[in-house]
Amino acid sequence: DDAFVTRSEYAVAMAAALYPGRAACLERSLVLYWWLRRAGVPVQFRMGAQLYPFLAHAWVERDGRVINDVAEHVKLFRPIEGIAS
């Protein structure tokens, strides 16, 4: 499972880097979430916000660990609760 998750995260990151359109954190996280859930991997889609200055961010977690971002970066955002996954 860990190897599959790592390969999947890498594949989504490479596809996003080569995609000529927009592939920001929201798009990357939604694709990774969909792909891993479809494969039966229990992951959670997360969104968070920072109020001043306003910023929003999206990421995917597995067992409470961020898998498609750096944990230190995600700590800048307050998670938005209430989204069922």
C-alpha atoms as a PDB file:
ATOM      1  CA  ASP A   1       0.000   0.000   0.000  1.00  0.00           C
ATOM      2  CA  ASP A   2       2.733   2.500   0.892  1.00  0.00           C
ATOM      3  CA  ALA A   3       4.563   1.913  -2.401  1.00  0.00           C
ATOM      4  CA  PHE A   4       1.314   2.286  -4.359  1.00  0.00           C
ATOM      5  CA  VAL A   5       0.495   5.543  -2.555  1.00  0.00           C
ATOM      6  CA  THR A   6       3.993   6.903  -3.216  1.00  0.00           C
ATOM      7  CA  ARG A   7       3.863   5.940  -6.906  1.00  0.00           C
ATOM      8  CA  SER A   8       0.389   7.439  -7.262  1.00  0.00           C
ATOM      9  CA  GLU A   9       1.405  10.730  -5.634  1.00  0.00           C
ATOM     10  CA  TYR A  10       4.463  10.924  -7.911  1.00  0.00           C
ATOM     11  CA  ALA A  11       2.374  10.184 -11.031  1.00  0.00           C
ATOM     12  CA  VAL A  12      -0.153  12.909 -10.181  1.00  0.00           C
ATOM     13  CA  ALA A  13       2.652  15.407  -9.466  1.00  0.00           C
ATOM     14  CA  MET A  14       4.364  14.621 -12.797  1.00  0.00           C
ATOM     15  CA  ALA A  15       1.090  14.845 -14.731  1.00  0.00           C
ATOM     16  CA  ALA A  16       0.350  18.202 -13.084  1.00  0.00           C
ATOM     17  CA  ALA A  17       3.830  19.501 -13.935  1.00  0.00           C
ATOM     18  CA  LEU A  18       3.383  18.568 -17.607  1.00  0.00           C
ATOM     19  CA  TYR A  19      -0.260  19.640 -17.911  1.00  0.00           C
ATOM     20  CA  PRO A  20      -0.499  22.858 -19.972  1.00  0.00           C
ATOM     21  CA  GLY A  21      -3.513  24.167 -18.019  1.00  0.00           C
ATOM     22  CA  ARG A  22      -4.165  24.813 -14.351  1.00  0.00           C
ATOM     23  CA  ALA A  23      -3.173  22.027 -11.966  1.00  0.00           C
ATOM     24  CA  ALA A  24      -2.926  23.680  -8.572  1.00  0.00           C
ATOM     25  CA  CYS A  25      -3.291  22.045  -5.159  1.00  0.00           C
ATOM     26  CA  LEU A  26      -7.064  21.607  -5.491  1.00  0.00           C
ATOM     27  CA  GLU A  27      -6.912  19.796  -8.818  1.00  0.00           C
ATOM     28  CA  ARG A  28      -3.935  17.649  -7.803  1.00  0.00           C
ATOM     29  CA  SER A  29      -5.473  16.708  -4.462  1.00  0.00           C
ATOM     30  CA  LEU A  30      -8.874  15.839  -5.924  1.00  0.00           C
ATOM     31  CA  VAL A  31      -7.310  13.588  -8.577  1.00  0.00           C
ATOM     32  CA  LEU A  32      -5.059  11.866  -6.056  1.00  0.00           C
ATOM     33  CA  TYR A  33      -7.955  11.420  -3.612  1.00  0.00           C
ATOM     34  CA  TRP A  34     -10.187   9.974  -6.319  1.00  0.00           C
ATOM     35  CA  TRP A  35      -7.453   7.647  -7.619  1.00  0.00           C
ATOM     36  CA  LEU A  36      -6.506   6.275  -4.212  1.00  0.00           C
ATOM     37  CA  ARG A  37     -10.110   5.865  -2.982  1.00  0.00           C
ATOM     38  CA  ARG A  38     -10.958   4.066  -6.215  1.00  0.00           C
ATOM     39  CA  ALA A  39      -8.082   1.681  -5.474  1.00  0.00           C
ATOM     40  CA  GLY A  40      -9.443   1.088  -1.964  1.00  0.00           C
ATOM     41  CA  VAL A  41      -6.830   3.118  -0.080  1.00  0.00           C
ATOM     42  CA  PRO A  42      -8.360   4.888   2.950  1.00  0.00           C
ATOM     43  CA  VAL A  43      -7.347   8.527   2.477  1.00  0.00           C
ATOM     44  CA  GLN A  44      -8.938  11.841   3.454  1.00  0.00           C
ATOM     45  CA  PHE A  45      -9.308  14.954   1.315  1.00  0.00           C
ATOM     46  CA  ARG A  46      -8.564  18.091   3.317  1.00  0.00           C
ATOM     47  CA  MET A  47      -8.990  21.781   2.688  1.00  0.00           C
ATOM     48  CA  GLY A  48      -7.784  24.593   4.869  1.00  0.00           C
ATOM     49  CA  ALA A  49      -7.640  28.354   5.006  1.00  0.00           C
ATOM     50  CA  GLN A  50      -5.455  31.096   6.374  1.00  0.00           C
ATOM     51  CA  LEU A  51      -7.295  34.308   7.246  1.00  0.00           C
ATOM     52  CA  TYR A  52      -4.654  37.064   7.060  1.00  0.00           C
ATOM     53  CA  PRO A  53      -3.749  37.275   4.258  1.00  0.00           C
ATOM     54  CA  PHE A  54      -6.455  34.995   2.951  1.00  0.00           C
ATOM     55  CA  LEU A  55      -5.113  31.822   1.372  1.00  0.00           C
ATOM     56  CA  ALA A  56      -6.729  28.444   0.792  1.00  0.00           C
ATOM     57  CA  HIS A  57      -5.068  25.095   0.274  1.00  0.00           C
ATOM     58  CA  ALA A  58      -6.001  21.453  -0.413  1.00  0.00           C
ATOM     59  CA  TRP A  59      -4.137  18.244   0.371  1.00  0.00           C
ATOM     60  CA  VAL A  60      -4.609  14.515   0.949  1.00  0.00           C
ATOM     61  CA  GLU A  61      -3.879  12.643   4.179  1.00  0.00           C
ATOM     62  CA  ARG A  62      -3.460   8.982   5.000  1.00  0.00           C
ATOM     63  CA  ASP A  63      -3.496   7.871   8.639  1.00  0.00           C
ATOM     64  CA  GLY A  64      -3.194  11.531   9.672  1.00  0.00           C
ATOM     65  CA  ARG A  65      -0.069  12.102   7.543  1.00  0.00           C
ATOM     66  CA  VAL A  66       0.051  14.509   4.620  1.00  0.00           C
ATOM     67  CA  ILE A  67       0.964  12.574   1.474  1.00  0.00           C
ATOM     68  CA  ASN A  68       1.044  15.160  -1.313  1.00  0.00           C
ATOM     69  CA  ASP A  69       2.592  18.159   0.405  1.00  0.00           C
ATOM     70  CA  VAL A  70       5.041  19.103   3.127  1.00  0.00           C
ATOM     71  CA  ALA A  71       3.572  18.882   6.633  1.00  0.00           C
ATOM     72  CA  GLU A  72       5.172  22.212   7.621  1.00  0.00           C
ATOM     73  CA  HIS A  73       3.373  23.953   4.748  1.00  0.00           C
ATOM     74  CA  VAL A  74       0.008  22.453   5.657  1.00  0.00           C
ATOM     75  CA  LYS A  75       0.393  23.666   9.263  1.00  0.00           C
ATOM     76  CA  LEU A  76      -0.066  27.227   7.971  1.00  0.00           C
ATOM     77  CA  PHE A  77      -3.727  26.437   7.194  1.00  0.00           C
ATOM     78  CA  ARG A  78      -6.596  25.800   9.567  1.00  0.00           C
ATOM     79  CA  PRO A  79      -8.480  22.709   8.328  1.00  0.00           C
ATOM     80  CA  ILE A  80     -12.085  23.166   7.294  1.00  0.00           C
ATOM     81  CA  GLU A  81     -14.059  20.528   9.182  1.00  0.00           C
ATOM     82  CA  GLY A  82     -17.330  18.904   8.272  1.00  0.00           C
ATOM     83  CA  ILE A  83     -16.433  17.449   4.875  1.00  0.00           C
ATOM     84  CA  ALA A  84     -17.312  13.761   4.840  1.00  0.00           C
ATOM     85  CA  SER A  85     -14.750  11.516   3.231  1.00  0.00           C
END
